[in-house]
Structure formats: C-alpha cells, structure tokens
C-alpha cells in the first residue's frame, strides 16, 4: 500500500460543504452501493475517456468532472435480469462481494451509463454479436422512465428482447466515501469500450457539460485548476494515461483493494489521505 495525500485546495467547498466544515457526527453515515464506468474510445486518435461535469446544485460532488455512474436501485437485484458474459458468481469473486451485491453493481453500471449517456451495453437475445436495435426516440423515452423509476432495467431488456453484456465491462477499482461525509458511497469502478455505432451524449439533468478528454489532458487540466476531480477520478485518469489504446486500457492489470480516504490536516493544508493498493 502507498500513502498519498490529495490536497483539497479549491475543492474544499465542494467536498466539505459551502462553509468548509462538516457537522460532528456520532457515527459515520451508512454507505450505498454505487457503480461508475469509464467509457473509452480511440477510433479518432489517442485514447479518450468520456466525462461529465456535475451541476453545481448537486448535493454530492457539485461541479466535479466525473465518469457516468450512480447508486444501485433495488430493481437492479431482479433475478430475471437477462444476462450474458461472466456469471454473477464470477463477478462476486472478482469484486470480493456477495452474489446479490455483484448483480446489483454490474446492473447499475450498465443502467447508469444508459441513463446518462445513451450507451447500452446489451445485445439482442437472438444474436449477441449484434448491437441493440432501439429507435432514438424509444431509447430517449426508456432513459427518462428509468430515471423516474417508472420501470426497472430488467423490464426494459425483457420487453425489447435484449441481454445485458457483462463481458463488455472490466473491473478497475473500489473506493469508499470518507466517514466524514454525510452522503457516502461504496463504489466500484469499471471500464468499457464504447460499442461500435453508439455515441454517448451526456443528456442528463445531473450534468451541465459532457466531453471526450485524453486522460493526460484531464490530469493536466486538474493540475492547472481548470477542472475539479475527486481523488478516485484523478487516480483512475492517471492509471489510464499509462496506456494509449482501448485494448491497452482493457488489458491493464491493476491492484485492487478498498480505498477509504481520511480527512487530515497537513502542512500544505487540509487533505484526503488514502492508502492506495
């Protein structure tokens, strides 16, 4: 494990609240399972990753550049969820968790990127080598209904004879929100190549901007103070900057262990201290 301090600097207000402080808590807030996905491409040149800038009114991580993702939904646990690729049990072993949590985390990863970007990691039941066939207007309606919790993701797949493609995901990291935060997430990070013929649009009410960025350029923008990144996002981008192609990114063999930063005071100012695998 390697210790690293992430200085808060201009991120202090976003991470600790508008007044820069958190009220004292007798016990840490409970965590909620969540998934986030790095969508990558290299068909137009160097490796790029799709990022969203969260709206400033968000209660969690306002104005931060993030990867698409979010918390699990109870309907992500549906047993009838059409599934192809590594089985739930294999994912549970990979992520060192129970079967039910593994199912929800993978389902949430695929559902969230569909809701927030329109990219759907699924295939027709009749031919898993083909992309999903959804009319643009139909897809937009389904995304809106999913966001409004009017329909479950499993129901969407079943009604359109689609199967979730868990084989299109790769597991990357596991981060847990610091205990000082009032909203806490137990988040698994995944990576996926954007399927041929699909293009993420970032049409979500949770973001006011979406863009493709080279990992090294995103890190440089953070260092210059042009964008704000949470520690997990920064580390993920630094790791991604070590490769130049989608195939290289999907093949990266990274050490994975739960990381939960702690708020500390350093000579340089307040920081989030993390023990990185």
C-alpha atoms as a PDB file:
ATOM      1  CA  UNK A   1       0.000   0.000   0.000  1.00  0.00           C
ATOM      2  CA  UNK A   2       1.202   3.518  -0.810  1.00  0.00           C
ATOM      3  CA  UNK A   3       0.073   6.527   1.197  1.00  0.00           C
ATOM      4  CA  UNK A   4      -0.970   9.597  -0.771  1.00  0.00           C
ATOM      5  CA  UNK A   5      -2.399  12.931   0.307  1.00  0.00           C
ATOM      6  CA  UNK A   6      -4.847  14.702  -2.000  1.00  0.00           C
ATOM      7  CA  UNK A   7      -4.842  18.405  -1.095  1.00  0.00           C
ATOM      8  CA  UNK A   8      -8.337  19.850  -1.131  1.00  0.00           C
ATOM      9  CA  UNK A   9      -7.410  23.374  -2.223  1.00  0.00           C
ATOM     10  CA  UNK A  10     -10.220  24.825  -4.335  1.00  0.00           C
ATOM     11  CA  UNK A  11     -12.194  21.600  -3.913  1.00  0.00           C
ATOM     12  CA  UNK A  12     -12.682  22.235  -0.191  1.00  0.00           C
ATOM     13  CA  UNK A  13     -16.127  23.791  -0.577  1.00  0.00           C
ATOM     14  CA  UNK A  14     -17.335  21.104  -2.974  1.00  0.00           C
ATOM     15  CA  UNK A  15     -16.118  18.254  -0.783  1.00  0.00           C
ATOM     16  CA  UNK A  16     -16.761  19.671   2.678  1.00  0.00           C
ATOM     17  CA  UNK A  17     -19.716  21.967   2.145  1.00  0.00           C
ATOM     18  CA  UNK A  18     -20.164  25.645   1.368  1.00  0.00           C
ATOM     19  CA  UNK A  19     -18.869  26.689   4.771  1.00  0.00           C
ATOM     20  CA  UNK A  20     -15.888  24.346   4.528  1.00  0.00           C
ATOM     21  CA  UNK A  21     -16.978  22.377   7.570  1.00  0.00           C
ATOM     22  CA  UNK A  22     -18.936  19.242   8.366  1.00  0.00           C
ATOM     23  CA  UNK A  23     -21.117  18.955  11.461  1.00  0.00           C
ATOM     24  CA  UNK A  24     -19.863  16.454  14.000  1.00  0.00           C
ATOM     25  CA  UNK A  25     -21.470  13.013  13.705  1.00  0.00           C
ATOM     26  CA  UNK A  26     -21.741  10.423  16.434  1.00  0.00           C
ATOM     27  CA  UNK A  27     -21.424   7.667  13.822  1.00  0.00           C
ATOM     28  CA  UNK A  28     -20.442   7.619  10.143  1.00  0.00           C
ATOM     29  CA  UNK A  29     -23.324   7.742   7.686  1.00  0.00           C
ATOM     30  CA  UNK A  30     -24.096   4.365   6.093  1.00  0.00           C
ATOM     31  CA  UNK A  31     -22.739   3.690   2.610  1.00  0.00           C
ATOM     32  CA  UNK A  32     -24.776   2.971  -0.507  1.00  0.00           C
ATOM     33  CA  UNK A  33     -23.529   0.667  -3.251  1.00  0.00           C
ATOM     34  CA  UNK A  34     -22.690   2.511  -6.457  1.00  0.00           C
ATOM     35  CA  UNK A  35     -21.059   1.920  -9.830  1.00  0.00           C
ATOM     36  CA  UNK A  36     -19.198   4.228 -12.177  1.00  0.00           C
ATOM     37  CA  UNK A  37     -17.958   3.478 -15.687  1.00  0.00           C
ATOM     38  CA  UNK A  38     -15.079   4.858 -17.716  1.00  0.00           C
ATOM     39  CA  UNK A  39     -16.264   4.849 -21.335  1.00  0.00           C
ATOM     40  CA  UNK A  40     -13.245   4.912 -23.641  1.00  0.00           C
ATOM     41  CA  UNK A  41     -12.533   5.176 -27.362  1.00  0.00           C
ATOM     42  CA  UNK A  42      -9.524   5.503 -29.670  1.00  0.00           C
ATOM     43  CA  UNK A  43     -11.136   5.489 -33.110  1.00  0.00           C
ATOM     44  CA  UNK A  44     -10.449   9.196 -33.662  1.00  0.00           C
ATOM     45  CA  UNK A  45      -6.836   9.208 -32.497  1.00  0.00           C
ATOM     46  CA  UNK A  46      -5.345   8.951 -28.989  1.00  0.00           C
ATOM     47  CA  UNK A  47      -7.223   7.201 -26.189  1.00  0.00           C
ATOM     48  CA  UNK A  48     -10.054   9.336 -24.798  1.00  0.00           C
ATOM     49  CA  UNK A  49     -12.459   8.932 -21.896  1.00  0.00           C
ATOM     50  CA  UNK A  50     -15.986  10.344 -21.653  1.00  0.00           C
ATOM     51  CA  UNK A  51     -16.581  12.702 -18.733  1.00  0.00           C
ATOM     52  CA  UNK A  52     -19.452  14.710 -17.283  1.00  0.00           C
ATOM     53  CA  UNK A  53     -19.348  17.881 -15.200  1.00  0.00           C
ATOM     54  CA  UNK A  54     -21.903  17.646 -12.435  1.00  0.00           C
ATOM     55  CA  UNK A  55     -24.253  20.596 -11.997  1.00  0.00           C
ATOM     56  CA  UNK A  56     -23.361  22.974  -9.175  1.00  0.00           C
ATOM     57  CA  UNK A  57     -26.622  22.271  -7.335  1.00  0.00           C
ATOM     58  CA  UNK A  58     -25.857  18.578  -6.776  1.00  0.00           C
ATOM     59  CA  UNK A  59     -25.665  17.587  -3.106  1.00  0.00           C
ATOM     60  CA  UNK A  60     -22.752  15.232  -3.802  1.00  0.00           C
ATOM     61  CA  UNK A  61     -19.627  16.369  -5.696  1.00  0.00           C
ATOM     62  CA  UNK A  62     -21.069  19.536  -7.276  1.00  0.00           C
ATOM     63  CA  UNK A  63     -19.176  20.941 -10.279  1.00  0.00           C
ATOM     64  CA  UNK A  64     -16.831  17.942 -10.337  1.00  0.00           C
ATOM     65  CA  UNK A  65     -15.762  16.217 -13.556  1.00  0.00           C
ATOM     66  CA  UNK A  66     -16.808  12.591 -13.174  1.00  0.00           C
ATOM     67  CA  UNK A  67     -17.386   9.397 -15.101  1.00  0.00           C
ATOM     68  CA  UNK A  68     -21.011   8.327 -15.673  1.00  0.00           C
ATOM     69  CA  UNK A  69     -22.444   6.332 -12.804  1.00  0.00           C
ATOM     70  CA  UNK A  70     -24.593   6.338  -9.701  1.00  0.00           C
ATOM     71  CA  UNK A  71     -26.139   4.381  -6.879  1.00  0.00           C
ATOM     72  CA  UNK A  72     -27.756   0.987  -7.227  1.00  0.00           C
ATOM     73  CA  UNK A  73     -31.527   0.691  -7.472  1.00  0.00           C
ATOM     74  CA  UNK A  74     -33.435  -2.058  -5.671  1.00  0.00           C
ATOM     75  CA  UNK A  75     -34.676  -3.253  -9.064  1.00  0.00           C
ATOM     76  CA  UNK A  76     -31.065  -3.854 -10.119  1.00  0.00           C
ATOM     77  CA  UNK A  77     -31.345  -7.003  -7.989  1.00  0.00           C
ATOM     78  CA  UNK A  78     -34.031  -8.589 -10.186  1.00  0.00           C
ATOM     79  CA  UNK A  79     -33.291 -12.287 -10.698  1.00  0.00           C
ATOM     80  CA  UNK A  80     -34.875 -12.296 -14.161  1.00  0.00           C
ATOM     81  CA  UNK A  81     -32.398  -9.729 -15.490  1.00  0.00           C
ATOM     82  CA  UNK A  82     -31.266 -11.081 -18.918  1.00  0.00           C
ATOM     83  CA  UNK A  83     -27.540 -11.662 -18.588  1.00  0.00           C
ATOM     84  CA  UNK A  84     -24.643 -12.693 -20.853  1.00  0.00           C
ATOM     85  CA  UNK A  85     -20.935 -12.869 -20.125  1.00  0.00           C
ATOM     86  CA  UNK A  86     -19.259 -13.729 -16.803  1.00  0.00           C
ATOM     87  CA  UNK A  87     -21.861 -15.049 -14.366  1.00  0.00           C
ATOM     88  CA  UNK A  88     -22.907 -13.210 -11.224  1.00  0.00           C
ATOM     89  CA  UNK A  89     -20.888 -15.657  -9.123  1.00  0.00           C
ATOM     90  CA  UNK A  90     -17.737 -14.860 -11.106  1.00  0.00           C
ATOM     91  CA  UNK A  91     -18.293 -11.141 -10.687  1.00  0.00           C
ATOM     92  CA  UNK A  92     -18.836 -11.658  -6.961  1.00  0.00           C
ATOM     93  CA  UNK A  93     -15.465 -13.371  -6.699  1.00  0.00           C
ATOM     94  CA  UNK A  94     -13.779 -10.700  -8.814  1.00  0.00           C
ATOM     95  CA  UNK A  95     -15.172  -7.886  -6.671  1.00  0.00           C
ATOM     96  CA  UNK A  96     -14.852  -9.779  -3.381  1.00  0.00           C
ATOM     97  CA  UNK A  97     -18.517  -9.387  -2.518  1.00  0.00           C
ATOM     98  CA  UNK A  98     -21.699 -11.444  -2.300  1.00  0.00           C
ATOM     99  CA  UNK A  99     -23.736 -12.558  -5.309  1.00  0.00           C
ATOM    100  CA  UNK A 100     -26.619 -10.144  -4.684  1.00  0.00           C
ATOM    101  CA  UNK A 101     -24.311  -7.127  -4.463  1.00  0.00           C
ATOM    102  CA  UNK A 102     -22.382  -8.226  -7.553  1.00  0.00           C
ATOM    103  CA  UNK A 103     -25.598  -8.476  -9.561  1.00  0.00           C
ATOM    104  CA  UNK A 104     -26.696  -5.003  -8.476  1.00  0.00           C
ATOM    105  CA  UNK A 105     -23.299  -3.414  -9.116  1.00  0.00           C
ATOM    106  CA  UNK A 106     -22.979  -4.756 -12.661  1.00  0.00           C
ATOM    107  CA  UNK A 107     -26.619  -3.983 -13.462  1.00  0.00           C
ATOM    108  CA  UNK A 108     -26.253  -0.464 -12.049  1.00  0.00           C
ATOM    109  CA  UNK A 109     -23.122   0.115 -14.130  1.00  0.00           C
ATOM    110  CA  UNK A 110     -24.915  -0.761 -17.366  1.00  0.00           C
ATOM    111  CA  UNK A 111     -28.148   1.006 -16.397  1.00  0.00           C
ATOM    112  CA  UNK A 112     -26.446   4.221 -15.283  1.00  0.00           C
ATOM    113  CA  UNK A 113     -24.429   4.721 -18.463  1.00  0.00           C
ATOM    114  CA  UNK A 114     -27.585   4.121 -20.491  1.00  0.00           C
ATOM    115  CA  UNK A 115     -29.495   6.688 -18.419  1.00  0.00           C
ATOM    116  CA  UNK A 116     -26.731   9.304 -18.509  1.00  0.00           C
ATOM    117  CA  UNK A 117     -25.157   8.768 -21.934  1.00  0.00           C
ATOM    118  CA  UNK A 118     -27.454   6.622 -24.070  1.00  0.00           C
ATOM    119  CA  UNK A 119     -24.785   3.934 -24.473  1.00  0.00           C
ATOM    120  CA  UNK A 120     -26.298   0.500 -23.913  1.00  0.00           C
ATOM    121  CA  UNK A 121     -24.050  -2.477 -23.176  1.00  0.00           C
ATOM    122  CA  UNK A 122     -26.549  -5.027 -24.415  1.00  0.00           C
ATOM    123  CA  UNK A 123     -27.294  -7.194 -27.432  1.00  0.00           C
ATOM    124  CA  UNK A 124     -30.350  -8.854 -28.976  1.00  0.00           C
ATOM    125  CA  UNK A 125     -31.155 -12.189 -27.339  1.00  0.00           C
ATOM    126  CA  UNK A 126     -31.169 -13.761 -30.800  1.00  0.00           C
ATOM    127  CA  UNK A 127     -27.633 -12.612 -31.694  1.00  0.00           C
ATOM    128  CA  UNK A 128     -25.201 -11.401 -29.050  1.00  0.00           C
ATOM    129  CA  UNK A 129     -22.759 -10.270 -31.747  1.00  0.00           C
ATOM    130  CA  UNK A 130     -25.152  -7.544 -32.889  1.00  0.00           C
ATOM    131  CA  UNK A 131     -25.774  -4.124 -31.290  1.00  0.00           C
ATOM    132  CA  UNK A 132     -29.106  -3.324 -29.638  1.00  0.00           C
ATOM    133  CA  UNK A 133     -31.725  -2.087 -32.060  1.00  0.00           C
ATOM    134  CA  UNK A 134     -33.504   0.786 -30.344  1.00  0.00           C
ATOM    135  CA  UNK A 135     -35.042   3.735 -32.147  1.00  0.00           C
ATOM    136  CA  UNK A 136     -33.604   7.037 -30.884  1.00  0.00           C
ATOM    137  CA  UNK A 137     -36.980   8.247 -29.609  1.00  0.00           C
ATOM    138  CA  UNK A 138     -37.672   4.911 -27.941  1.00  0.00           C
ATOM    139  CA  UNK A 139     -34.283   4.977 -26.247  1.00  0.00           C
ATOM    140  CA  UNK A 140     -34.848   8.534 -25.012  1.00  0.00           C
ATOM    141  CA  UNK A 141     -38.217   7.542 -23.565  1.00  0.00           C
ATOM    142  CA  UNK A 142     -36.743   4.496 -21.839  1.00  0.00           C
ATOM    143  CA  UNK A 143     -33.964   6.584 -20.329  1.00  0.00           C
ATOM    144  CA  UNK A 144     -36.469   9.072 -18.947  1.00  0.00           C
ATOM    145  CA  UNK A 145     -38.637   6.315 -17.483  1.00  0.00           C
ATOM    146  CA  UNK A 146     -35.631   4.660 -15.857  1.00  0.00           C
ATOM    147  CA  UNK A 147     -34.533   7.944 -14.295  1.00  0.00           C
ATOM    148  CA  UNK A 148     -38.077   8.495 -12.997  1.00  0.00           C
ATOM    149  CA  UNK A 149     -38.107   4.933 -11.568  1.00  0.00           C
ATOM    150  CA  UNK A 150     -41.196   4.153 -13.627  1.00  0.00           C
ATOM    151  CA  UNK A 151     -39.651   0.943 -14.954  1.00  0.00           C
ATOM    152  CA  UNK A 152     -36.888  -1.444 -13.948  1.00  0.00           C
ATOM    153  CA  UNK A 153     -33.841  -2.099 -16.113  1.00  0.00           C
ATOM    154  CA  UNK A 154     -34.626  -5.804 -16.324  1.00  0.00           C
ATOM    155  CA  UNK A 155     -38.092  -4.990 -17.628  1.00  0.00           C
ATOM    156  CA  UNK A 156     -36.589  -2.748 -20.318  1.00  0.00           C
ATOM    157  CA  UNK A 157     -34.287  -5.520 -21.506  1.00  0.00           C
ATOM    158  CA  UNK A 158     -37.010  -8.174 -21.451  1.00  0.00           C
ATOM    159  CA  UNK A 159     -39.544  -6.051 -23.330  1.00  0.00           C
ATOM    160  CA  UNK A 160     -37.034  -5.311 -26.089  1.00  0.00           C
ATOM    161  CA  UNK A 161     -35.560  -8.816 -26.168  1.00  0.00           C
ATOM    162  CA  UNK A 162     -32.117  -7.649 -25.107  1.00  0.00           C
ATOM    163  CA  UNK A 163     -29.498  -9.204 -22.868  1.00  0.00           C
ATOM    164  CA  UNK A 164     -27.051  -7.364 -20.601  1.00  0.00           C
ATOM    165  CA  UNK A 165     -23.447  -7.857 -21.747  1.00  0.00           C
ATOM    166  CA  UNK A 166     -21.376  -8.150 -18.583  1.00  0.00           C
ATOM    167  CA  UNK A 167     -18.416  -9.257 -20.716  1.00  0.00           C
ATOM    168  CA  UNK A 168     -18.079  -5.699 -22.033  1.00  0.00           C
ATOM    169  CA  UNK A 169     -17.110  -4.444 -18.563  1.00  0.00           C
ATOM    170  CA  UNK A 170     -13.758  -4.684 -16.797  1.00  0.00           C
ATOM    171  CA  UNK A 171     -13.372  -4.107 -13.057  1.00  0.00           C
ATOM    172  CA  UNK A 172     -10.930  -1.300 -12.150  1.00  0.00           C
ATOM    173  CA  UNK A 173     -11.162  -0.040  -8.581  1.00  0.00           C
ATOM    174  CA  UNK A 174     -13.045   0.115  -5.286  1.00  0.00           C
ATOM    175  CA  UNK A 175     -13.402   3.395  -3.392  1.00  0.00           C
ATOM    176  CA  UNK A 176     -15.461   4.239  -0.304  1.00  0.00           C
ATOM    177  CA  UNK A 177     -16.505   7.785   0.602  1.00  0.00           C
ATOM    178  CA  UNK A 178     -14.716   9.126   3.716  1.00  0.00           C
ATOM    179  CA  UNK A 179     -16.520   8.685   7.021  1.00  0.00           C
ATOM    180  CA  UNK A 180     -16.728  12.469   7.492  1.00  0.00           C
ATOM    181  CA  UNK A 181     -19.103  12.822   4.531  1.00  0.00           C
ATOM    182  CA  UNK A 182     -22.886  12.922   5.126  1.00  0.00           C
ATOM    183  CA  UNK A 183     -23.504  11.125   1.799  1.00  0.00           C
ATOM    184  CA  UNK A 184     -21.372   8.044   1.447  1.00  0.00           C
ATOM    185  CA  UNK A 185     -20.958   5.544  -1.381  1.00  0.00           C
ATOM    186  CA  UNK A 186     -19.275   2.165  -1.674  1.00  0.00           C
ATOM    187  CA  UNK A 187     -18.299   2.499  -5.317  1.00  0.00           C
ATOM    188  CA  UNK A 188     -16.922   0.038  -7.838  1.00  0.00           C
ATOM    189  CA  UNK A 189     -15.175   1.457 -10.892  1.00  0.00           C
ATOM    190  CA  UNK A 190     -15.473  -0.245 -14.283  1.00  0.00           C
ATOM    191  CA  UNK A 191     -14.189   0.456 -17.778  1.00  0.00           C
ATOM    192  CA  UNK A 192     -15.836  -0.289 -21.133  1.00  0.00           C
ATOM    193  CA  UNK A 193     -15.151   0.490 -24.763  1.00  0.00           C
ATOM    194  CA  UNK A 194     -17.947   2.390 -26.467  1.00  0.00           C
ATOM    195  CA  UNK A 195     -19.615  -0.187 -28.736  1.00  0.00           C
ATOM    196  CA  UNK A 196     -19.414   0.402 -32.471  1.00  0.00           C
ATOM    197  CA  UNK A 197     -22.295   2.508 -33.710  1.00  0.00           C
ATOM    198  CA  UNK A 198     -23.021   4.099 -30.337  1.00  0.00           C
ATOM    199  CA  UNK A 199     -22.055   7.592 -29.214  1.00  0.00           C
ATOM    200  CA  UNK A 200     -22.539   8.918 -25.654  1.00  0.00           C
ATOM    201  CA  UNK A 201     -24.476  12.181 -25.495  1.00  0.00           C
ATOM    202  CA  UNK A 202     -24.350  13.252 -21.841  1.00  0.00           C
ATOM    203  CA  UNK A 203     -28.033  14.223 -21.886  1.00  0.00           C
ATOM    204  CA  UNK A 204     -28.654  14.002 -18.154  1.00  0.00           C
ATOM    205  CA  UNK A 205     -30.064  16.522 -15.690  1.00  0.00           C
ATOM    206  CA  UNK A 206     -27.164  15.747 -13.349  1.00  0.00           C
ATOM    207  CA  UNK A 207     -24.557  17.322 -15.648  1.00  0.00           C
ATOM    208  CA  UNK A 208     -24.189  20.664 -17.404  1.00  0.00           C
ATOM    209  CA  UNK A 209     -21.336  19.579 -19.653  1.00  0.00           C
ATOM    210  CA  UNK A 210     -20.037  16.430 -21.311  1.00  0.00           C
ATOM    211  CA  UNK A 211     -16.860  15.883 -23.302  1.00  0.00           C
ATOM    212  CA  UNK A 212     -14.240  13.455 -24.503  1.00  0.00           C
ATOM    213  CA  UNK A 213     -10.863  14.041 -22.855  1.00  0.00           C
ATOM    214  CA  UNK A 214      -7.448  12.477 -23.152  1.00  0.00           C
ATOM    215  CA  UNK A 215      -6.580  11.134 -19.694  1.00  0.00           C
ATOM    216  CA  UNK A 216      -3.308  13.061 -19.555  1.00  0.00           C
ATOM    217  CA  UNK A 217      -5.071  16.249 -20.656  1.00  0.00           C
ATOM    218  CA  UNK A 218      -7.696  15.830 -17.938  1.00  0.00           C
ATOM    219  CA  UNK A 219      -4.980  15.389 -15.311  1.00  0.00           C
ATOM    220  CA  UNK A 220      -3.148  18.460 -16.629  1.00  0.00           C
ATOM    221  CA  UNK A 221      -6.374  20.493 -16.534  1.00  0.00           C
ATOM    222  CA  UNK A 222      -6.841  19.459 -12.907  1.00  0.00           C
ATOM    223  CA  UNK A 223      -3.276  20.447 -12.028  1.00  0.00           C
ATOM    224  CA  UNK A 224      -3.835  23.828 -13.714  1.00  0.00           C
ATOM    225  CA  UNK A 225      -7.041  24.351 -11.729  1.00  0.00           C
ATOM    226  CA  UNK A 226      -9.289  24.255 -14.794  1.00  0.00           C
ATOM    227  CA  UNK A 227     -11.330  21.241 -13.664  1.00  0.00           C
ATOM    228  CA  UNK A 228     -12.121  19.680 -10.306  1.00  0.00           C
ATOM    229  CA  UNK A 229     -11.596  15.963  -9.768  1.00  0.00           C
ATOM    230  CA  UNK A 230     -12.260  13.794  -6.751  1.00  0.00           C
ATOM    231  CA  UNK A 231      -9.316  11.587  -5.688  1.00  0.00           C
ATOM    232  CA  UNK A 232     -10.778   8.365  -7.187  1.00  0.00           C
ATOM    233  CA  UNK A 233     -11.298  10.073 -10.541  1.00  0.00           C
ATOM    234  CA  UNK A 234      -7.809  11.557 -10.530  1.00  0.00           C
ATOM    235  CA  UNK A 235      -6.176   8.204  -9.780  1.00  0.00           C
ATOM    236  CA  UNK A 236      -8.269   6.483 -12.461  1.00  0.00           C
ATOM    237  CA  UNK A 237      -7.192   9.062 -15.040  1.00  0.00           C
ATOM    238  CA  UNK A 238      -3.534   8.776 -14.050  1.00  0.00           C
ATOM    239  CA  UNK A 239      -3.710   4.999 -14.487  1.00  0.00           C
ATOM    240  CA  UNK A 240      -5.491   5.358 -17.818  1.00  0.00           C
ATOM    241  CA  UNK A 241      -2.834   7.805 -19.021  1.00  0.00           C
ATOM    242  CA  UNK A 242      -0.279   4.983 -18.821  1.00  0.00           C
ATOM    243  CA  UNK A 243      -1.746   3.377 -21.963  1.00  0.00           C
ATOM    244  CA  UNK A 244      -2.588   4.761 -25.401  1.00  0.00           C
ATOM    245  CA  UNK A 245      -5.253   2.418 -26.771  1.00  0.00           C
ATOM    246  CA  UNK A 246      -8.595   0.961 -25.755  1.00  0.00           C
ATOM    247  CA  UNK A 247      -7.193  -2.555 -25.921  1.00  0.00           C
ATOM    248  CA  UNK A 248      -4.355  -1.494 -23.649  1.00  0.00           C
ATOM    249  CA  UNK A 249      -6.784   0.070 -21.185  1.00  0.00           C
ATOM    250  CA  UNK A 250      -8.982  -3.028 -21.064  1.00  0.00           C
ATOM    251  CA  UNK A 251      -5.928  -5.220 -20.524  1.00  0.00           C
ATOM    252  CA  UNK A 252      -4.437  -3.215 -17.640  1.00  0.00           C
ATOM    253  CA  UNK A 253      -3.821  -5.456 -14.634  1.00  0.00           C
ATOM    254  CA  UNK A 254      -4.305  -3.124 -11.678  1.00  0.00           C
ATOM    255  CA  UNK A 255      -4.034  -3.961  -7.975  1.00  0.00           C
ATOM    256  CA  UNK A 256      -7.468  -3.537  -6.399  1.00  0.00           C
ATOM    257  CA  UNK A 257      -8.341  -3.093  -2.731  1.00  0.00           C
ATOM    258  CA  UNK A 258     -10.944  -0.972  -0.922  1.00  0.00           C
ATOM    259  CA  UNK A 259      -9.723   2.618  -0.520  1.00  0.00           C
ATOM    260  CA  UNK A 260     -11.385   4.940   2.005  1.00  0.00           C
ATOM    261  CA  UNK A 261      -9.615   8.307   2.332  1.00  0.00           C
ATOM    262  CA  UNK A 262      -9.476  10.140   5.645  1.00  0.00           C
ATOM    263  CA  UNK A 263      -9.631  13.905   6.145  1.00  0.00           C
ATOM    264  CA  UNK A 264      -6.324  15.109   7.622  1.00  0.00           C
ATOM    265  CA  UNK A 265      -4.535  18.388   8.232  1.00  0.00           C
ATOM    266  CA  UNK A 266      -1.129  18.698   6.585  1.00  0.00           C
ATOM    267  CA  UNK A 267       1.447  21.483   6.448  1.00  0.00           C
ATOM    268  CA  UNK A 268       0.131  22.302   2.984  1.00  0.00           C
ATOM    269  CA  UNK A 269      -3.490  22.415   4.153  1.00  0.00           C
ATOM    270  CA  UNK A 270      -6.446  20.029   4.538  1.00  0.00           C
ATOM    271  CA  UNK A 271      -6.173  16.847   2.504  1.00  0.00           C
ATOM    272  CA  UNK A 272      -7.760  13.497   1.861  1.00  0.00           C
ATOM    273  CA  UNK A 273      -5.234  10.813   2.832  1.00  0.00           C
ATOM    274  CA  UNK A 274      -5.580   7.458   1.087  1.00  0.00           C
ATOM    275  CA  UNK A 275      -3.760   4.148   1.241  1.00  0.00           C
ATOM    276  CA  UNK A 276      -3.540   3.087  -2.400  1.00  0.00           C
ATOM    277  CA  UNK A 277      -3.004  -0.564  -3.430  1.00  0.00           C
END
